[in-house]
């Protein structure tokens, strides 16, 4: 979704162009779509955990209207020093355990150094550094073409 800073208000949810299509392409290829996100606005007192859940529901609802979905959301509400805050691997390892995901066949898409650091720390391949996409849809298309090749 659009990065508008600390998002604790579901009214600020804006899905980026191409995201529903990217999620549908991943689903058609047999991939689970899992979001892992740092939400330190909770620890900073800017909003509560229920607000994070409301934002996730709003995102899910917007995606559903476009025919797409996220299979699971994992979030860290801490500031520092925990094992779940990206680039630490806690959220990914929890998703692996709870959802039966195999890291070897997974891919990570992200828009920050923390996202790519998490992928490296967890041993998840990503299209970067071999490819840096401008959009999620472009990155997903590149990834799916590369695994089909």
N, C-alpha and C. Protein backbone atom coordinates (compact mmCIF):
# COMPACT_ATOMS: atom_id res chain seq x y z
N UNK A 1 0.84 -1.18 0.00
CA UNK A 1 0.00 0.00 0.00
C UNK A 1 0.89 1.24 0.00
N UNK A 2 0.29 2.36 -0.26
CA UNK A 2 1.02 3.62 -0.31
C UNK A 2 1.68 3.89 1.04
N UNK A 3 2.94 4.28 1.03
CA UNK A 3 3.66 4.60 2.25
C UNK A 3 3.35 6.04 2.64
N UNK A 4 2.54 6.17 3.68
CA UNK A 4 2.17 7.51 4.16
C UNK A 4 2.64 7.71 5.59
N UNK A 5 3.77 7.11 5.91
CA UNK A 5 4.30 7.22 7.27
C UNK A 5 3.68 6.19 8.17
N UNK A 6 3.57 6.52 9.42
CA UNK A 6 2.96 5.61 10.40
C UNK A 6 1.47 5.54 10.12
N UNK A 7 0.99 4.36 9.75
CA UNK A 7 -0.41 4.22 9.38
C UNK A 7 -1.18 3.51 10.49
N UNK A 8 -1.92 4.30 11.26
CA UNK A 8 -2.75 3.75 12.31
C UNK A 8 -4.22 4.03 12.06
N UNK A 9 -4.53 4.57 10.89
CA UNK A 9 -5.89 4.94 10.55
C UNK A 9 -6.27 4.25 9.25
N UNK A 10 -7.27 3.41 9.31
CA UNK A 10 -7.66 2.63 8.13
C UNK A 10 -8.14 3.49 6.97
N UNK A 11 -8.55 4.71 7.25
CA UNK A 11 -9.00 5.61 6.18
C UNK A 11 -7.84 6.04 5.28
N UNK A 12 -6.59 5.83 5.74
CA UNK A 12 -5.42 6.22 4.96
C UNK A 12 -4.89 5.10 4.07
N UNK A 13 -5.57 3.97 4.04
CA UNK A 13 -5.13 2.84 3.22
C UNK A 13 -5.36 3.15 1.75
N UNK A 14 -4.28 3.10 0.97
CA UNK A 14 -4.34 3.30 -0.47
C UNK A 14 -3.51 2.21 -1.13
N UNK A 15 -4.15 1.41 -1.93
CA UNK A 15 -3.45 0.32 -2.61
C UNK A 15 -2.76 0.88 -3.84
N UNK A 16 -1.51 0.51 -4.01
CA UNK A 16 -0.74 0.96 -5.16
C UNK A 16 -1.22 0.25 -6.43
N UNK A 17 -1.08 0.95 -7.53
CA UNK A 17 -1.46 0.40 -8.83
C UNK A 17 -0.70 -0.89 -9.10
N UNK A 18 -1.40 -1.90 -9.58
CA UNK A 18 -0.79 -3.17 -9.95
C UNK A 18 -0.69 -4.19 -8.83
N UNK A 19 -0.93 -3.78 -7.60
CA UNK A 19 -0.78 -4.71 -6.48
C UNK A 19 -1.79 -5.85 -6.55
N UNK A 20 -3.08 -5.60 -6.80
CA UNK A 20 -4.00 -6.74 -6.91
C UNK A 20 -3.57 -7.73 -7.99
N UNK A 21 -3.14 -7.22 -9.13
CA UNK A 21 -2.71 -8.11 -10.23
C UNK A 21 -1.48 -8.92 -9.81
N UNK A 22 -0.56 -8.29 -9.10
CA UNK A 22 0.64 -8.99 -8.63
C UNK A 22 0.26 -10.11 -7.67
N UNK A 23 -0.64 -9.83 -6.74
CA UNK A 23 -1.07 -10.84 -5.78
C UNK A 23 -1.80 -11.99 -6.47
N UNK A 24 -2.61 -11.67 -7.46
CA UNK A 24 -3.31 -12.72 -8.22
C UNK A 24 -2.32 -13.59 -8.98
N UNK A 25 -1.31 -12.99 -9.58
CA UNK A 25 -0.30 -13.76 -10.31
C UNK A 25 0.45 -14.70 -9.37
N UNK A 26 0.78 -14.23 -8.18
CA UNK A 26 1.46 -15.10 -7.20
C UNK A 26 0.54 -16.24 -6.76
N UNK A 27 -0.73 -15.95 -6.56
CA UNK A 27 -1.68 -17.00 -6.17
C UNK A 27 -1.81 -18.04 -7.26
N UNK A 28 -1.92 -17.59 -8.50
CA UNK A 28 -2.04 -18.52 -9.62
C UNK A 28 -0.81 -19.40 -9.76
N UNK A 29 0.34 -18.89 -9.32
CA UNK A 29 1.58 -19.67 -9.37
C UNK A 29 1.76 -20.55 -8.12
N UNK A 30 0.79 -20.51 -7.22
CA UNK A 30 0.81 -21.38 -6.04
C UNK A 30 1.49 -20.81 -4.81
N UNK A 31 1.74 -19.52 -4.77
CA UNK A 31 2.41 -18.89 -3.63
C UNK A 31 1.41 -18.34 -2.63
N UNK A 32 1.73 -18.51 -1.34
CA UNK A 32 1.00 -17.81 -0.30
C UNK A 32 1.48 -16.36 -0.31
N UNK A 33 0.59 -15.45 0.03
CA UNK A 33 0.91 -14.02 0.10
C UNK A 33 0.85 -13.59 1.55
N UNK A 34 2.01 -13.37 2.15
CA UNK A 34 2.11 -13.05 3.57
C UNK A 34 2.77 -11.69 3.72
N UNK A 35 2.17 -10.85 4.52
CA UNK A 35 2.73 -9.52 4.82
C UNK A 35 3.43 -9.60 6.16
N UNK A 36 4.67 -9.10 6.21
CA UNK A 36 5.40 -8.92 7.47
C UNK A 36 5.76 -7.44 7.56
N UNK A 37 5.36 -6.81 8.66
CA UNK A 37 5.49 -5.36 8.74
C UNK A 37 5.85 -4.89 10.15
N UNK A 38 6.77 -3.94 10.21
CA UNK A 38 7.09 -3.28 11.47
C UNK A 38 6.03 -2.21 11.72
N UNK A 39 5.49 -2.18 12.91
CA UNK A 39 4.48 -1.19 13.29
C UNK A 39 4.86 -0.54 14.61
N UNK A 40 6.01 0.13 14.61
CA UNK A 40 6.52 0.74 15.84
C UNK A 40 5.69 1.92 16.30
N UNK A 41 4.74 2.38 15.50
CA UNK A 41 3.83 3.44 15.95
C UNK A 41 3.08 3.02 17.21
N UNK A 42 2.91 1.72 17.41
CA UNK A 42 2.25 1.23 18.63
C UNK A 42 3.15 1.51 19.83
N UNK A 43 4.41 1.10 19.76
CA UNK A 43 5.36 1.33 20.85
C UNK A 43 5.59 2.82 21.10
N UNK A 44 5.46 3.62 20.07
CA UNK A 44 5.67 5.07 20.19
C UNK A 44 4.43 5.77 20.75
N UNK A 45 3.33 5.02 20.93
CA UNK A 45 2.11 5.61 21.48
C UNK A 45 1.30 6.40 20.47
N UNK A 46 1.58 6.21 19.18
CA UNK A 46 0.88 6.96 18.14
C UNK A 46 -0.50 6.36 17.83
N UNK A 47 -0.64 5.05 18.03
CA UNK A 47 -1.90 4.33 17.83
C UNK A 47 -1.76 2.99 18.51
N UNK A 48 -2.85 2.25 18.57
CA UNK A 48 -2.85 0.98 19.27
C UNK A 48 -2.81 -0.22 18.34
N UNK A 49 -2.65 -1.39 18.93
CA UNK A 49 -2.60 -2.61 18.14
C UNK A 49 -3.92 -2.86 17.41
N UNK A 50 -5.04 -2.47 18.02
CA UNK A 50 -6.33 -2.62 17.34
C UNK A 50 -6.38 -1.76 16.08
N UNK A 51 -5.69 -0.63 16.08
CA UNK A 51 -5.62 0.21 14.88
C UNK A 51 -4.83 -0.49 13.77
N UNK A 52 -3.75 -1.18 14.15
CA UNK A 52 -2.98 -1.95 13.17
C UNK A 52 -3.87 -3.01 12.54
N UNK A 53 -4.63 -3.71 13.37
CA UNK A 53 -5.53 -4.74 12.87
C UNK A 53 -6.61 -4.15 11.97
N UNK A 54 -7.09 -2.95 12.32
CA UNK A 54 -8.09 -2.27 11.49
C UNK A 54 -7.52 -1.91 10.13
N UNK A 55 -6.27 -1.44 10.10
CA UNK A 55 -5.61 -1.12 8.84
C UNK A 55 -5.47 -2.39 7.99
N UNK A 56 -5.08 -3.49 8.62
CA UNK A 56 -4.94 -4.75 7.89
C UNK A 56 -6.28 -5.21 7.31
N UNK A 57 -7.35 -5.06 8.09
CA UNK A 57 -8.68 -5.41 7.58
C UNK A 57 -9.07 -4.52 6.41
N UNK A 58 -8.80 -3.22 6.52
CA UNK A 58 -9.13 -2.30 5.43
C UNK A 58 -8.35 -2.66 4.16
N UNK A 59 -7.09 -2.98 4.34
CA UNK A 59 -6.28 -3.40 3.18
C UNK A 59 -6.86 -4.67 2.57
N UNK A 60 -7.21 -5.63 3.41
CA UNK A 60 -7.81 -6.88 2.92
C UNK A 60 -9.10 -6.61 2.16
N UNK A 61 -9.92 -5.72 2.70
CA UNK A 61 -11.20 -5.40 2.06
C UNK A 61 -10.99 -4.73 0.70
N UNK A 62 -10.05 -3.79 0.64
CA UNK A 62 -9.75 -3.12 -0.63
C UNK A 62 -9.24 -4.12 -1.67
N UNK A 63 -8.37 -5.02 -1.24
CA UNK A 63 -7.85 -6.04 -2.16
C UNK A 63 -8.97 -6.97 -2.61
N UNK A 64 -9.85 -7.35 -1.70
CA UNK A 64 -10.96 -8.25 -2.04
C UNK A 64 -11.85 -7.63 -3.11
N UNK A 65 -12.08 -6.31 -3.02
CA UNK A 65 -12.88 -5.63 -4.05
C UNK A 65 -12.22 -5.73 -5.42
N UNK A 66 -10.91 -5.89 -5.42
CA UNK A 66 -10.17 -6.03 -6.69
C UNK A 66 -9.94 -7.50 -7.04
N UNK A 67 -10.50 -8.42 -6.23
CA UNK A 67 -10.38 -9.84 -6.51
C UNK A 67 -9.09 -10.48 -6.02
N UNK A 68 -8.36 -9.81 -5.15
CA UNK A 68 -7.08 -10.32 -4.64
C UNK A 68 -7.15 -10.48 -3.13
N UNK A 69 -6.10 -11.10 -2.57
CA UNK A 69 -6.07 -11.24 -1.12
C UNK A 69 -4.66 -11.46 -0.60
N UNK A 70 -4.54 -11.19 0.70
CA UNK A 70 -3.35 -11.52 1.48
C UNK A 70 -3.75 -12.72 2.34
N UNK A 71 -2.88 -13.72 2.41
CA UNK A 71 -3.21 -14.91 3.19
C UNK A 71 -2.99 -14.73 4.69
N UNK A 72 -2.04 -13.91 5.06
CA UNK A 72 -1.77 -13.69 6.49
C UNK A 72 -0.98 -12.40 6.68
N UNK A 73 -1.20 -11.78 7.84
CA UNK A 73 -0.46 -10.59 8.25
C UNK A 73 0.31 -10.91 9.52
N UNK A 74 1.57 -10.52 9.57
CA UNK A 74 2.39 -10.61 10.77
C UNK A 74 2.98 -9.23 11.00
N UNK A 75 2.89 -8.74 12.23
CA UNK A 75 3.41 -7.41 12.50
C UNK A 75 4.15 -7.38 13.83
N UNK A 76 5.13 -6.48 13.90
CA UNK A 76 5.92 -6.26 15.11
C UNK A 76 5.60 -4.86 15.61
N UNK A 77 5.22 -4.75 16.88
CA UNK A 77 4.85 -3.46 17.45
C UNK A 77 5.98 -2.85 18.29
N UNK A 78 7.15 -3.45 18.25
CA UNK A 78 8.27 -3.00 19.10
C UNK A 78 9.12 -1.95 18.40
N UNK A 79 9.96 -1.29 19.19
CA UNK A 79 10.90 -0.32 18.64
C UNK A 79 12.21 -0.98 18.25
N UNK A 80 12.87 -1.62 19.18
CA UNK A 80 14.18 -2.22 18.94
C UNK A 80 14.40 -3.41 19.87
N UNK A 81 15.39 -4.21 19.51
CA UNK A 81 15.86 -5.26 20.41
C UNK A 81 14.98 -6.49 20.53
N UNK A 82 14.06 -6.68 19.64
CA UNK A 82 13.25 -7.91 19.70
C UNK A 82 13.62 -8.80 18.53
N UNK A 83 13.16 -10.02 18.56
CA UNK A 83 13.50 -10.96 17.49
C UNK A 83 12.51 -10.92 16.33
N UNK A 84 11.47 -10.08 16.46
CA UNK A 84 10.50 -10.03 15.36
C UNK A 84 10.64 -8.79 14.49
N UNK A 85 11.25 -7.72 14.99
CA UNK A 85 11.34 -6.49 14.20
C UNK A 85 12.30 -6.67 13.03
N UNK A 86 11.81 -6.40 11.81
CA UNK A 86 12.67 -6.50 10.64
C UNK A 86 13.89 -5.60 10.82
N UNK A 87 15.07 -6.06 10.49
CA UNK A 87 15.40 -7.21 9.66
C UNK A 87 15.59 -8.53 10.41
N UNK A 88 15.22 -8.60 11.70
CA UNK A 88 15.26 -9.89 12.40
C UNK A 88 14.21 -10.83 11.79
N UNK A 89 14.36 -12.11 12.02
CA UNK A 89 13.58 -13.11 11.29
C UNK A 89 12.34 -13.64 12.01
N UNK A 90 12.03 -13.12 13.18
CA UNK A 90 10.94 -13.67 13.99
C UNK A 90 9.61 -13.80 13.28
N UNK A 91 9.18 -12.76 12.56
CA UNK A 91 7.87 -12.83 11.88
C UNK A 91 7.88 -13.88 10.78
N UNK A 92 8.98 -13.96 10.04
CA UNK A 92 9.06 -14.95 8.96
C UNK A 92 9.07 -16.36 9.54
N UNK A 93 9.84 -16.57 10.58
CA UNK A 93 9.91 -17.91 11.18
C UNK A 93 8.56 -18.32 11.76
N UNK A 94 7.83 -17.36 12.30
CA UNK A 94 6.47 -17.66 12.80
C UNK A 94 5.55 -18.04 11.64
N UNK A 95 5.63 -17.31 10.54
CA UNK A 95 4.81 -17.62 9.36
C UNK A 95 5.16 -19.01 8.82
N UNK A 96 6.44 -19.32 8.78
CA UNK A 96 6.89 -20.64 8.31
C UNK A 96 6.27 -21.74 9.18
N UNK A 97 6.35 -21.57 10.49
CA UNK A 97 5.83 -22.58 11.41
C UNK A 97 4.31 -22.69 11.34
N UNK A 98 3.63 -21.58 11.28
CA UNK A 98 2.17 -21.58 11.31
C UNK A 98 1.52 -21.93 9.98
N UNK A 99 2.19 -21.62 8.88
CA UNK A 99 1.57 -21.77 7.57
C UNK A 99 2.19 -22.86 6.71
N UNK A 100 3.20 -23.55 7.24
CA UNK A 100 3.82 -24.63 6.47
C UNK A 100 4.58 -24.13 5.25
N UNK A 101 5.15 -22.96 5.35
CA UNK A 101 5.89 -22.37 4.23
C UNK A 101 7.31 -22.90 4.22
N UNK A 102 7.83 -23.18 3.03
CA UNK A 102 9.22 -23.58 2.89
C UNK A 102 10.01 -22.38 2.39
N UNK A 103 11.04 -21.99 3.15
CA UNK A 103 11.83 -20.82 2.78
C UNK A 103 12.54 -21.00 1.45
N UNK A 104 12.98 -22.22 1.17
CA UNK A 104 13.73 -22.46 -0.07
C UNK A 104 12.93 -22.09 -1.31
N UNK A 105 11.64 -22.28 -1.28
CA UNK A 105 10.82 -21.97 -2.44
C UNK A 105 10.11 -20.63 -2.33
N UNK A 106 10.52 -19.80 -1.38
CA UNK A 106 9.86 -18.52 -1.15
C UNK A 106 10.60 -17.38 -1.82
N UNK A 107 9.94 -16.24 -1.86
CA UNK A 107 10.56 -15.01 -2.38
C UNK A 107 10.07 -13.86 -1.51
N UNK A 108 10.90 -12.83 -1.40
CA UNK A 108 10.55 -11.65 -0.60
C UNK A 108 10.54 -10.44 -1.51
N UNK A 109 9.47 -9.65 -1.43
CA UNK A 109 9.40 -8.37 -2.11
C UNK A 109 9.29 -7.31 -1.05
N UNK A 110 10.02 -6.23 -1.21
CA UNK A 110 9.96 -5.16 -0.24
C UNK A 110 10.46 -3.86 -0.82
N UNK A 111 10.27 -2.80 -0.04
CA UNK A 111 10.67 -1.48 -0.52
C UNK A 111 11.65 -0.78 0.41
N UNK A 112 12.33 -1.56 1.26
CA UNK A 112 13.27 -0.94 2.19
C UNK A 112 14.47 -1.85 2.42
N UNK A 113 15.50 -1.26 2.97
CA UNK A 113 16.69 -2.04 3.33
C UNK A 113 16.34 -3.07 4.39
N UNK A 114 15.43 -2.73 5.30
CA UNK A 114 14.99 -3.68 6.32
C UNK A 114 14.33 -4.90 5.71
N UNK A 115 13.54 -4.70 4.66
CA UNK A 115 12.89 -5.81 3.97
C UNK A 115 13.93 -6.74 3.34
N UNK A 116 14.87 -6.15 2.64
CA UNK A 116 15.89 -6.97 1.98
C UNK A 116 16.85 -7.59 2.99
N UNK A 117 17.09 -6.87 4.11
CA UNK A 117 17.89 -7.45 5.19
C UNK A 117 17.19 -8.65 5.81
N UNK A 118 15.90 -8.57 5.99
CA UNK A 118 15.13 -9.70 6.50
C UNK A 118 15.24 -10.88 5.55
N UNK A 119 15.07 -10.63 4.26
CA UNK A 119 15.17 -11.72 3.28
C UNK A 119 16.54 -12.39 3.37
N UNK A 120 17.60 -11.60 3.43
CA UNK A 120 18.96 -12.16 3.52
C UNK A 120 19.13 -12.93 4.82
N UNK A 121 18.66 -12.37 5.93
CA UNK A 121 18.80 -13.04 7.23
C UNK A 121 18.04 -14.35 7.30
N UNK A 122 16.92 -14.42 6.61
CA UNK A 122 16.09 -15.63 6.62
C UNK A 122 16.47 -16.61 5.51
N UNK A 123 17.35 -16.19 4.60
CA UNK A 123 17.73 -17.06 3.49
C UNK A 123 16.67 -17.12 2.40
N UNK A 124 15.88 -16.05 2.29
CA UNK A 124 14.84 -15.99 1.26
C UNK A 124 15.41 -15.26 0.06
N UNK A 125 15.31 -15.86 -1.13
CA UNK A 125 15.80 -15.14 -2.31
C UNK A 125 14.87 -13.99 -2.66
N UNK A 126 15.41 -12.99 -3.28
CA UNK A 126 14.62 -11.87 -3.76
C UNK A 126 15.15 -11.49 -5.12
N UNK A 127 14.37 -10.74 -5.88
CA UNK A 127 14.84 -10.35 -7.21
C UNK A 127 16.04 -9.40 -7.14
N UNK A 128 16.19 -8.70 -6.03
CA UNK A 128 17.33 -7.79 -5.87
C UNK A 128 18.49 -8.59 -5.31
N UNK A 129 19.73 -8.45 -5.65
CA UNK A 129 20.24 -7.31 -6.39
C UNK A 129 20.24 -7.51 -7.90
N UNK A 130 19.79 -8.68 -8.37
CA UNK A 130 19.83 -8.89 -9.82
C UNK A 130 18.79 -8.04 -10.55
N UNK A 131 17.77 -7.60 -9.83
CA UNK A 131 16.73 -6.81 -10.48
C UNK A 131 16.05 -5.92 -9.45
N UNK A 132 15.92 -4.67 -9.72
CA UNK A 132 15.20 -3.74 -8.85
C UNK A 132 13.99 -3.22 -9.62
N UNK A 133 12.82 -3.65 -9.19
CA UNK A 133 11.58 -3.29 -9.87
C UNK A 133 11.08 -1.93 -9.41
N UNK A 134 10.35 -1.27 -10.28
CA UNK A 134 9.73 0.01 -9.91
C UNK A 134 8.40 -0.21 -9.19
N UNK A 135 7.76 -1.37 -9.44
CA UNK A 135 6.47 -1.67 -8.82
C UNK A 135 6.46 -3.13 -8.39
N UNK A 136 5.53 -3.46 -7.52
CA UNK A 136 5.37 -4.86 -7.11
C UNK A 136 5.02 -5.73 -8.31
N UNK A 137 4.13 -5.26 -9.15
CA UNK A 137 3.73 -6.06 -10.32
C UNK A 137 4.92 -6.34 -11.22
N UNK A 138 5.75 -5.35 -11.45
CA UNK A 138 6.94 -5.56 -12.27
C UNK A 138 7.88 -6.58 -11.62
N UNK A 139 8.06 -6.49 -10.32
CA UNK A 139 8.92 -7.44 -9.61
C UNK A 139 8.36 -8.85 -9.64
N UNK A 140 7.06 -8.98 -9.46
CA UNK A 140 6.42 -10.31 -9.50
C UNK A 140 6.55 -10.91 -10.90
N UNK A 141 6.31 -10.12 -11.91
CA UNK A 141 6.44 -10.64 -13.29
C UNK A 141 7.87 -11.10 -13.55
N UNK A 142 8.84 -10.31 -13.14
CA UNK A 142 10.25 -10.69 -13.31
C UNK A 142 10.54 -12.00 -12.59
N UNK A 143 10.10 -12.10 -11.34
CA UNK A 143 10.34 -13.31 -10.55
C UNK A 143 9.68 -14.53 -11.19
N UNK A 144 8.43 -14.42 -11.57
CA UNK A 144 7.72 -15.58 -12.14
C UNK A 144 8.34 -15.99 -13.46
N UNK A 145 8.76 -15.04 -14.27
CA UNK A 145 9.44 -15.39 -15.52
C UNK A 145 10.77 -16.09 -15.24
N UNK A 146 11.47 -15.66 -14.21
CA UNK A 146 12.78 -16.26 -13.91
C UNK A 146 12.64 -17.68 -13.38
N UNK A 147 11.59 -17.99 -12.63
CA UNK A 147 11.45 -19.37 -12.14
C UNK A 147 10.89 -20.29 -13.21
N UNK A 148 10.23 -19.74 -14.20
CA UNK A 148 9.72 -20.55 -15.31
C UNK A 148 10.82 -20.85 -16.33
N UNK A 149 11.86 -20.01 -16.35
CA UNK A 149 12.94 -20.16 -17.33
C UNK A 149 13.82 -21.35 -17.02
